[in-house]
Amino acid sequence: MSIKYISVLIVFCCFVVGCGTVSQREQGLKQSRIPNSSFQTDSHGVKGKLYAKYRQWEGVPYQWGGLSRSGIDCSGFVHIIYKRELGKILPRTTELQARVGRHVDINSLKAGDLVFFRIGNNARHVGIYLENRRFMHASRSRGVTISKLDHRYWKSRYWKSIRV
């Protein structure tokens, strides 16, 4: 095998492990609405910035390895939001993002914390916590959306939370 072929194969494997996909079962989730109070109570804080960015990215389709409004994956979404809105550079893959910061208990989450899920044998998923047990993320079936941590799909796959 050529070096070029091996290099392409390695990059492909990194992307597959870096950001897993969400099964079709998630399609049944109802769209979570953004609480209007979020903009009033924290308009200049992290939560307000995150909701503002969510409104810009809402519905952008999932694209494995994507980093633009034409398509984005979960770790790419987290990477871009942190870099542009929170001024922090995070690694590009879910696997590496899970290694930064410090562990936070699920009951102590604050806006901006990262929430991680195991969705397959080696597949991981990441989102950004907002408030009231809701997080924003790039979903394979729904694109950029807000979901509830307490939904049975996410609750059964929750792995850990990180504060950066």
N, C-alpha and C. Protein backbone atom coordinates (compact mmCIF):
# COMPACT_ATOMS: atom_id res chain seq x y z
N MET A 1 0.84 -1.18 0.00
CA MET A 1 0.00 0.00 0.00
C MET A 1 0.88 1.24 0.00
N SER A 2 0.41 2.25 -0.68
CA SER A 2 1.19 3.48 -0.77
C SER A 2 1.02 4.32 0.49
N ILE A 3 1.97 5.21 0.72
CA ILE A 3 1.93 6.11 1.86
C ILE A 3 0.72 7.03 1.77
N LYS A 4 0.39 7.47 0.57
CA LYS A 4 -0.77 8.35 0.37
C LYS A 4 -2.05 7.64 0.80
N TYR A 5 -2.22 6.39 0.40
CA TYR A 5 -3.40 5.62 0.76
C TYR A 5 -3.50 5.44 2.27
N ILE A 6 -2.38 5.11 2.90
CA ILE A 6 -2.36 4.92 4.36
C ILE A 6 -2.69 6.23 5.07
N SER A 7 -2.15 7.34 4.58
CA SER A 7 -2.43 8.64 5.18
C SER A 7 -3.91 8.98 5.11
N VAL A 8 -4.50 8.76 3.95
CA VAL A 8 -5.94 9.03 3.79
C VAL A 8 -6.75 8.13 4.72
N LEU A 9 -6.36 6.88 4.85
CA LEU A 9 -7.06 5.94 5.72
C LEU A 9 -6.97 6.39 7.18
N ILE A 10 -5.81 6.86 7.61
CA ILE A 10 -5.63 7.33 8.99
C ILE A 10 -6.50 8.54 9.26
N VAL A 11 -6.52 9.50 8.34
CA VAL A 11 -7.35 10.70 8.51
C VAL A 11 -8.83 10.30 8.59
N PHE A 12 -9.25 9.39 7.72
CA PHE A 12 -10.63 8.92 7.72
C PHE A 12 -10.99 8.31 9.08
N CYS A 13 -10.13 7.46 9.61
CA CYS A 13 -10.39 6.80 10.89
C CYS A 13 -10.48 7.82 12.03
N CYS A 14 -9.64 8.85 12.00
CA CYS A 14 -9.68 9.89 13.03
C CYS A 14 -11.02 10.60 13.04
N PHE A 15 -11.54 10.89 11.86
CA PHE A 15 -12.85 11.57 11.79
C PHE A 15 -13.96 10.66 12.29
N VAL A 16 -13.90 9.38 11.96
CA VAL A 16 -14.94 8.45 12.39
C VAL A 16 -14.98 8.36 13.91
N VAL A 17 -13.82 8.25 14.54
CA VAL A 17 -13.75 8.17 15.99
C VAL A 17 -14.00 9.53 16.61
N GLY A 18 -13.60 10.59 15.94
CA GLY A 18 -13.67 11.94 16.49
C GLY A 18 -15.06 12.43 16.76
N CYS A 19 -16.00 12.11 15.96
CA CYS A 19 -17.36 12.60 16.18
C CYS A 19 -18.33 11.56 15.67
N GLY A 20 -18.95 10.87 16.60
CA GLY A 20 -19.89 9.83 16.24
C GLY A 20 -21.17 10.40 15.67
N THR A 21 -22.01 9.50 15.27
CA THR A 21 -23.29 9.91 14.69
C THR A 21 -24.41 9.52 15.63
N VAL A 22 -25.55 10.09 15.41
CA VAL A 22 -26.71 9.84 16.24
C VAL A 22 -27.69 9.01 15.43
N SER A 23 -28.25 8.00 16.05
CA SER A 23 -29.14 7.10 15.32
C SER A 23 -30.44 7.78 14.92
N GLN A 24 -31.18 7.10 14.08
CA GLN A 24 -32.44 7.63 13.59
C GLN A 24 -33.49 7.73 14.69
N ARG A 25 -33.28 7.06 15.83
CA ARG A 25 -34.24 7.16 16.93
C ARG A 25 -34.38 8.59 17.41
N GLU A 26 -33.33 9.39 17.24
CA GLU A 26 -33.38 10.77 17.69
C GLU A 26 -34.35 11.60 16.87
N GLN A 27 -34.69 11.16 15.68
CA GLN A 27 -35.58 11.93 14.82
C GLN A 27 -36.92 12.20 15.47
N GLY A 28 -37.33 11.35 16.38
CA GLY A 28 -38.62 11.53 17.03
C GLY A 28 -38.62 12.61 18.10
N LEU A 29 -37.48 13.16 18.44
CA LEU A 29 -37.43 14.20 19.46
C LEU A 29 -38.15 15.45 19.00
N LYS A 30 -38.85 16.07 19.92
CA LYS A 30 -39.49 17.33 19.59
C LYS A 30 -38.46 18.44 19.67
N GLN A 31 -38.60 19.42 18.81
CA GLN A 31 -37.70 20.57 18.79
C GLN A 31 -37.79 21.29 20.12
N SER A 32 -36.66 21.53 20.76
CA SER A 32 -36.64 22.29 22.01
C SER A 32 -36.65 23.77 21.67
N ARG A 33 -37.48 24.50 22.35
CA ARG A 33 -37.58 25.93 22.11
C ARG A 33 -36.59 26.66 23.00
N ILE A 34 -36.10 27.80 22.52
CA ILE A 34 -35.20 28.63 23.30
C ILE A 34 -36.04 29.46 24.25
N PRO A 35 -35.78 29.37 25.56
CA PRO A 35 -36.54 30.18 26.49
C PRO A 35 -36.24 31.66 26.29
N ASN A 36 -37.29 32.48 26.21
CA ASN A 36 -37.10 33.92 26.04
C ASN A 36 -36.37 34.53 27.23
N SER A 37 -36.54 33.95 28.41
CA SER A 37 -35.91 34.50 29.60
C SER A 37 -34.40 34.45 29.52
N SER A 38 -33.85 33.55 28.72
CA SER A 38 -32.40 33.42 28.61
C SER A 38 -31.76 34.71 28.12
N PHE A 39 -32.41 35.37 27.19
CA PHE A 39 -31.84 36.58 26.63
C PHE A 39 -31.96 37.74 27.61
N GLN A 40 -32.97 37.73 28.45
CA GLN A 40 -33.18 38.82 29.39
C GLN A 40 -32.28 38.69 30.60
N THR A 41 -32.07 37.48 31.09
CA THR A 41 -31.33 37.30 32.33
C THR A 41 -29.83 37.23 32.15
N ASP A 42 -29.35 36.91 30.97
CA ASP A 42 -27.91 36.72 30.79
C ASP A 42 -27.49 37.21 29.41
N SER A 43 -28.00 38.35 28.97
CA SER A 43 -27.77 38.78 27.59
C SER A 43 -26.31 39.09 27.30
N HIS A 44 -25.53 39.40 28.33
CA HIS A 44 -24.12 39.72 28.08
C HIS A 44 -23.18 38.62 28.56
N GLY A 45 -23.74 37.55 29.09
CA GLY A 45 -22.93 36.46 29.59
C GLY A 45 -22.79 35.33 28.60
N VAL A 46 -22.20 34.27 29.07
CA VAL A 46 -21.95 33.09 28.24
C VAL A 46 -23.25 32.54 27.67
N LYS A 47 -24.26 32.41 28.49
CA LYS A 47 -25.53 31.84 28.04
C LYS A 47 -26.12 32.65 26.90
N GLY A 48 -26.11 33.97 27.04
CA GLY A 48 -26.63 34.83 25.98
C GLY A 48 -25.86 34.69 24.68
N LYS A 49 -24.53 34.59 24.79
CA LYS A 49 -23.69 34.40 23.60
C LYS A 49 -24.00 33.07 22.92
N LEU A 50 -24.18 32.04 23.73
CA LEU A 50 -24.45 30.72 23.17
C LEU A 50 -25.80 30.67 22.46
N TYR A 51 -26.82 31.25 23.07
CA TYR A 51 -28.13 31.28 22.41
C TYR A 51 -28.08 32.10 21.12
N ALA A 52 -27.33 33.20 21.14
CA ALA A 52 -27.22 34.02 19.93
C ALA A 52 -26.55 33.22 18.81
N LYS A 53 -25.50 32.48 19.14
CA LYS A 53 -24.83 31.65 18.13
C LYS A 53 -25.74 30.52 17.67
N TYR A 54 -26.48 29.97 18.60
CA TYR A 54 -27.40 28.90 18.22
C TYR A 54 -28.38 29.40 17.16
N ARG A 55 -28.92 30.57 17.36
CA ARG A 55 -29.88 31.12 16.39
C ARG A 55 -29.24 31.25 15.00
N GLN A 56 -27.94 31.54 14.95
CA GLN A 56 -27.24 31.67 13.66
C GLN A 56 -27.02 30.30 13.01
N TRP A 57 -26.83 29.28 13.81
CA TRP A 57 -26.49 27.95 13.31
C TRP A 57 -27.68 26.99 13.27
N GLU A 58 -28.79 27.34 13.88
CA GLU A 58 -29.94 26.46 13.99
C GLU A 58 -30.32 25.86 12.64
N GLY A 59 -30.43 24.54 12.61
CA GLY A 59 -30.86 23.85 11.40
C GLY A 59 -29.76 23.57 10.38
N VAL A 60 -28.54 24.07 10.59
CA VAL A 60 -27.45 23.75 9.66
C VAL A 60 -27.30 22.23 9.65
N PRO A 61 -27.25 21.62 8.49
CA PRO A 61 -27.23 20.15 8.43
C PRO A 61 -25.93 19.55 8.96
N TYR A 62 -26.06 18.34 9.45
CA TYR A 62 -24.90 17.58 9.90
C TYR A 62 -24.10 17.14 8.67
N GLN A 63 -22.81 17.33 8.75
CA GLN A 63 -21.92 16.80 7.71
C GLN A 63 -20.66 16.32 8.41
N TRP A 64 -20.42 15.04 8.32
CA TRP A 64 -19.25 14.46 8.95
C TRP A 64 -18.00 15.18 8.46
N GLY A 65 -17.19 15.71 9.38
CA GLY A 65 -15.98 16.43 9.03
C GLY A 65 -16.22 17.87 8.63
N GLY A 66 -17.48 18.30 8.60
CA GLY A 66 -17.81 19.65 8.15
C GLY A 66 -17.47 20.72 9.17
N LEU A 67 -17.17 21.92 8.65
CA LEU A 67 -16.82 23.06 9.51
C LEU A 67 -17.43 24.36 9.00
N SER A 68 -18.57 24.28 8.35
CA SER A 68 -19.17 25.50 7.80
C SER A 68 -20.68 25.43 7.90
N ARG A 69 -21.33 26.52 7.51
CA ARG A 69 -22.79 26.56 7.57
C ARG A 69 -23.44 25.69 6.49
N SER A 70 -22.65 25.17 5.58
CA SER A 70 -23.22 24.23 4.61
C SER A 70 -23.26 22.82 5.20
N GLY A 71 -22.57 22.59 6.30
CA GLY A 71 -22.58 21.31 6.99
C GLY A 71 -21.52 21.27 8.07
N ILE A 72 -21.87 20.69 9.22
CA ILE A 72 -20.94 20.67 10.35
C ILE A 72 -21.19 19.42 11.18
N ASP A 73 -20.14 18.91 11.83
CA ASP A 73 -20.33 17.79 12.74
C ASP A 73 -20.25 18.28 14.18
N CYS A 74 -20.48 17.39 15.13
CA CYS A 74 -20.62 17.81 16.53
C CYS A 74 -19.35 18.45 17.09
N SER A 75 -18.21 17.83 16.87
CA SER A 75 -16.97 18.39 17.43
C SER A 75 -16.56 19.66 16.70
N GLY A 76 -16.86 19.74 15.42
CA GLY A 76 -16.58 20.96 14.66
C GLY A 76 -17.43 22.12 15.16
N PHE A 77 -18.69 21.85 15.47
CA PHE A 77 -19.58 22.87 16.01
C PHE A 77 -19.05 23.40 17.34
N VAL A 78 -18.66 22.49 18.23
CA VAL A 78 -18.10 22.89 19.53
C VAL A 78 -16.82 23.68 19.33
N HIS A 79 -15.96 23.21 18.46
CA HIS A 79 -14.68 23.88 18.17
C HIS A 79 -14.92 25.32 17.70
N ILE A 80 -15.82 25.51 16.76
CA ILE A 80 -16.09 26.84 16.20
C ILE A 80 -16.74 27.76 17.23
N ILE A 81 -17.73 27.28 17.96
CA ILE A 81 -18.41 28.12 18.95
C ILE A 81 -17.43 28.57 20.03
N TYR A 82 -16.61 27.66 20.51
CA TYR A 82 -15.64 28.02 21.55
C TYR A 82 -14.63 29.03 21.02
N LYS A 83 -14.14 28.82 19.83
CA LYS A 83 -13.12 29.71 19.27
C LYS A 83 -13.68 31.10 19.00
N ARG A 84 -14.81 31.17 18.32
CA ARG A 84 -15.35 32.46 17.88
C ARG A 84 -16.09 33.21 18.98
N GLU A 85 -16.77 32.50 19.84
CA GLU A 85 -17.63 33.17 20.81
C GLU A 85 -17.04 33.23 22.20
N LEU A 86 -16.31 32.21 22.59
CA LEU A 86 -15.78 32.15 23.95
C LEU A 86 -14.28 32.39 24.00
N GLY A 87 -13.65 32.54 22.85
CA GLY A 87 -12.23 32.87 22.79
C GLY A 87 -11.31 31.77 23.27
N LYS A 88 -11.74 30.53 23.20
CA LYS A 88 -10.92 29.40 23.64
C LYS A 88 -10.72 28.44 22.48
N ILE A 89 -9.49 28.00 22.30
CA ILE A 89 -9.18 27.05 21.23
C ILE A 89 -9.28 25.64 21.80
N LEU A 90 -10.20 24.87 21.27
CA LEU A 90 -10.35 23.47 21.66
C LEU A 90 -9.87 22.58 20.52
N PRO A 91 -9.48 21.35 20.84
CA PRO A 91 -9.12 20.41 19.77
C PRO A 91 -10.30 20.20 18.82
N ARG A 92 -10.03 19.65 17.67
CA ARG A 92 -11.05 19.48 16.63
C ARG A 92 -11.91 18.23 16.84
N THR A 93 -11.39 17.21 17.47
CA THR A 93 -12.13 15.95 17.58
C THR A 93 -12.77 15.78 18.96
N THR A 94 -13.84 15.02 19.00
CA THR A 94 -14.53 14.73 20.26
C THR A 94 -13.60 14.02 21.23
N GLU A 95 -12.83 13.09 20.72
CA GLU A 95 -11.90 12.34 21.57
C GLU A 95 -10.95 13.27 22.30
N LEU A 96 -10.37 14.23 21.59
CA LEU A 96 -9.43 15.16 22.22
C LEU A 96 -10.14 16.22 23.07
N GLN A 97 -11.33 16.63 22.65
CA GLN A 97 -12.09 17.60 23.45
C GLN A 97 -12.43 17.01 24.81
N ALA A 98 -12.65 15.71 24.87
CA ALA A 98 -13.00 15.05 26.13
C ALA A 98 -11.83 15.02 27.11
N ARG A 99 -10.65 15.38 26.67
CA ARG A 99 -9.46 15.34 27.53
C ARG A 99 -9.08 16.70 28.11
N VAL A 100 -9.77 17.77 27.70
CA VAL A 100 -9.43 19.10 28.21
C VAL A 100 -10.33 19.46 29.38
N GLY A 101 -9.91 20.43 30.17
CA GLY A 101 -10.74 20.91 31.27
C GLY A 101 -10.81 19.93 32.43
N ARG A 102 -11.83 20.15 33.26
CA ARG A 102 -12.00 19.29 34.44
C ARG A 102 -13.41 18.73 34.48
N HIS A 103 -13.54 17.57 35.07
CA HIS A 103 -14.83 16.89 35.18
C HIS A 103 -15.80 17.72 36.01
N VAL A 104 -17.06 17.75 35.59
CA VAL A 104 -18.13 18.43 36.31
C VAL A 104 -19.29 17.45 36.45
N ASP A 105 -19.86 17.38 37.63
CA ASP A 105 -21.02 16.53 37.86
C ASP A 105 -22.19 17.03 37.01
N ILE A 106 -22.99 16.12 36.50
CA ILE A 106 -24.11 16.47 35.63
C ILE A 106 -25.10 17.41 36.33
N ASN A 107 -25.17 17.35 37.65
CA ASN A 107 -26.09 18.21 38.40
C ASN A 107 -25.50 19.57 38.72
N SER A 108 -24.27 19.82 38.30
CA SER A 108 -23.60 21.11 38.56
C SER A 108 -23.24 21.83 37.27
N LEU A 109 -23.85 21.47 36.17
CA LEU A 109 -23.50 22.05 34.88
C LEU A 109 -23.85 23.53 34.80
N LYS A 110 -23.00 24.27 34.08
CA LYS A 110 -23.23 25.69 33.80
C LYS A 110 -23.15 25.90 32.29
N ALA A 111 -23.74 27.00 31.84
CA ALA A 111 -23.70 27.32 30.41
C ALA A 111 -22.26 27.31 29.91
N GLY A 112 -22.03 26.61 28.81
CA GLY A 112 -20.70 26.51 28.22
C GLY A 112 -19.98 25.22 28.53
N ASP A 113 -20.43 24.47 29.53
CA ASP A 113 -19.80 23.18 29.82
C ASP A 113 -20.05 22.23 28.66
N LEU A 114 -19.12 21.32 28.45
CA LEU A 114 -19.25 20.33 27.38
C LEU A 114 -19.89 19.07 27.94
N VAL A 115 -20.83 18.50 27.20
CA VAL A 115 -21.45 17.24 27.59
C VAL A 115 -21.13 16.19 26.53
N PHE A 116 -20.73 15.02 26.99
CA PHE A 116 -20.27 13.95 26.10
C PHE A 116 -21.15 12.72 26.24
N PHE A 117 -21.29 12.02 25.12
CA PHE A 117 -22.13 10.84 25.07
C PHE A 117 -21.40 9.72 24.34
N ARG A 118 -21.67 8.48 24.77
CA ARG A 118 -21.20 7.29 24.05
C ARG A 118 -22.37 6.79 23.23
N ILE A 119 -22.22 6.83 21.93
CA ILE A 119 -23.36 6.46 21.08
C ILE A 119 -23.10 5.22 20.23
N GLY A 120 -22.00 4.58 20.46
CA GLY A 120 -21.67 3.36 19.74
C GLY A 120 -20.43 2.76 20.37
N ASN A 121 -19.91 1.71 19.75
CA ASN A 121 -18.73 1.06 20.30
C ASN A 121 -17.57 2.02 20.50
N ASN A 122 -17.22 2.75 19.46
CA ASN A 122 -16.13 3.72 19.55
C ASN A 122 -16.58 5.14 19.25
N ALA A 123 -17.85 5.33 19.03
CA ALA A 123 -18.36 6.64 18.63
C ALA A 123 -18.72 7.47 19.85
N ARG A 124 -18.35 8.73 19.80
CA ARG A 124 -18.66 9.69 20.85
C ARG A 124 -19.37 10.88 20.23
N HIS A 125 -20.12 11.61 21.06
CA HIS A 125 -20.84 12.79 20.61
C HIS A 125 -20.64 13.86 21.66
N VAL A 126 -20.61 15.14 21.23
CA VAL A 126 -20.39 16.24 22.16
C VAL A 126 -21.37 17.37 21.86
N GLY A 127 -21.74 18.06 22.91
CA GLY A 127 -22.59 19.24 22.79
C GLY A 127 -22.19 20.26 23.83
N ILE A 128 -22.82 21.44 23.78
CA ILE A 128 -22.53 22.52 24.72
C ILE A 128 -23.77 22.74 25.58
N TYR A 129 -23.58 22.65 26.88
CA TYR A 129 -24.69 22.83 27.82
C TYR A 129 -25.16 24.28 27.82
N LEU A 130 -26.49 24.46 27.87
CA LEU A 130 -27.09 25.79 27.90
C LEU A 130 -27.66 26.10 29.28
N GLU A 131 -28.74 25.44 29.62
CA GLU A 131 -29.40 25.63 30.92
C GLU A 131 -30.55 24.64 31.00
N ASN A 132 -31.07 24.48 32.21
CA ASN A 132 -32.27 23.66 32.41
C ASN A 132 -32.18 22.29 31.73
N ARG A 133 -30.99 21.68 31.83
CA ARG A 133 -30.73 20.34 31.30
C ARG A 133 -30.90 20.26 29.79
N ARG A 134 -30.60 21.35 29.10
CA ARG A 134 -30.64 21.40 27.64
C ARG A 134 -29.24 21.69 27.10
N PHE A 135 -28.95 21.15 25.93
CA PHE A 135 -27.65 21.39 25.30
C PHE A 135 -27.84 21.56 23.80
N MET A 136 -26.92 22.30 23.20
CA MET A 136 -26.96 22.48 21.74
C MET A 136 -25.86 21.63 21.13
N HIS A 137 -26.14 21.13 19.93
CA HIS A 137 -25.19 20.22 19.29
C HIS A 137 -25.56 20.06 17.83
N ALA A 138 -24.66 19.43 17.08
CA ALA A 138 -24.92 19.10 15.68
C ALA A 138 -25.35 17.64 15.64
N SER A 139 -26.61 17.43 15.38
CA SER A 139 -27.21 16.11 15.34
C SER A 139 -27.21 15.58 13.91
N ARG A 140 -26.91 14.31 13.77
CA ARG A 140 -26.90 13.71 12.43
C ARG A 140 -28.27 13.80 11.76
N SER A 141 -29.30 13.59 12.52
CA SER A 141 -30.64 13.55 11.94
C SER A 141 -31.32 14.91 11.86
N ARG A 142 -30.93 15.87 12.72
CA ARG A 142 -31.64 17.15 12.76
C ARG A 142 -30.75 18.36 12.54
N GLY A 143 -29.47 18.15 12.32
CA GLY A 143 -28.56 19.28 12.17
C GLY A 143 -28.35 19.96 13.51
N VAL A 144 -27.98 21.23 13.49
CA VAL A 144 -27.74 21.96 14.74
C VAL A 144 -29.09 22.18 15.43
N THR A 145 -29.17 21.69 16.66
CA THR A 145 -30.42 21.70 17.40
C THR A 145 -30.16 21.78 18.90
N ILE A 146 -31.23 21.90 19.66
CA ILE A 146 -31.16 21.84 21.12
C ILE A 146 -31.91 20.59 21.56
N SER A 147 -31.30 19.84 22.48
CA SER A 147 -31.92 18.62 22.99
C SER A 147 -31.90 18.65 24.51
N LYS A 148 -32.69 17.76 25.10
CA LYS A 148 -32.77 17.65 26.56
C LYS A 148 -31.91 16.50 27.05
N LEU A 149 -31.11 16.76 28.07
CA LEU A 149 -30.30 15.70 28.67
C LEU A 149 -31.17 14.59 29.24
N ASP A 150 -32.37 14.92 29.67
CA ASP A 150 -33.25 13.94 30.30
C ASP A 150 -34.01 13.07 29.31
N HIS A 151 -33.91 13.37 28.01
CA HIS A 151 -34.57 12.51 27.03
C HIS A 151 -33.93 11.12 27.13
N ARG A 152 -34.75 10.08 27.01
CA ARG A 152 -34.23 8.72 27.22
C ARG A 152 -33.05 8.39 26.32
N TYR A 153 -33.04 8.92 25.09
CA TYR A 153 -31.92 8.63 24.18
C TYR A 153 -30.61 9.17 24.76
N TRP A 154 -30.61 10.44 25.16
CA TRP A 154 -29.38 11.06 25.66
C TRP A 154 -29.05 10.60 27.07
N LYS A 155 -30.05 10.43 27.89
CA LYS A 155 -29.84 10.00 29.28
C LYS A 155 -29.14 8.65 29.33
N SER A 156 -29.53 7.74 28.47
CA SER A 156 -28.94 6.39 28.47
C SER A 156 -27.53 6.37 27.86
N ARG A 157 -27.14 7.43 27.18
CA ARG A 157 -25.84 7.47 26.52
C ARG A 157 -24.87 8.48 27.13
N TYR A 158 -25.33 9.19 28.16
CA TYR A 158 -24.48 10.20 28.80
C TYR A 158 -23.19 9.55 29.28
N TRP A 159 -22.08 10.24 29.03
CA TRP A 159 -20.76 9.73 29.41
C TRP A 159 -20.15 10.61 30.49
N LYS A 160 -19.95 11.90 30.19
CA LYS A 160 -19.33 12.79 31.17
C LYS A 160 -19.51 14.24 30.74
N SER A 161 -19.16 15.13 31.67
CA SER A 161 -19.21 16.57 31.41
C SER A 161 -17.88 17.19 31.78
N ILE A 162 -17.50 18.22 31.02
CA ILE A 162 -16.21 18.89 31.21
C ILE A 162 -16.44 20.39 31.28
N ARG A 163 -15.75 21.05 32.20
CA ARG A 163 -15.72 22.51 32.22
C ARG A 163 -14.34 22.95 31.73
N VAL A 164 -14.33 23.76 30.70
CA VAL A 164 -13.07 24.21 30.09
C VAL A 164 -12.63 25.50 30.75
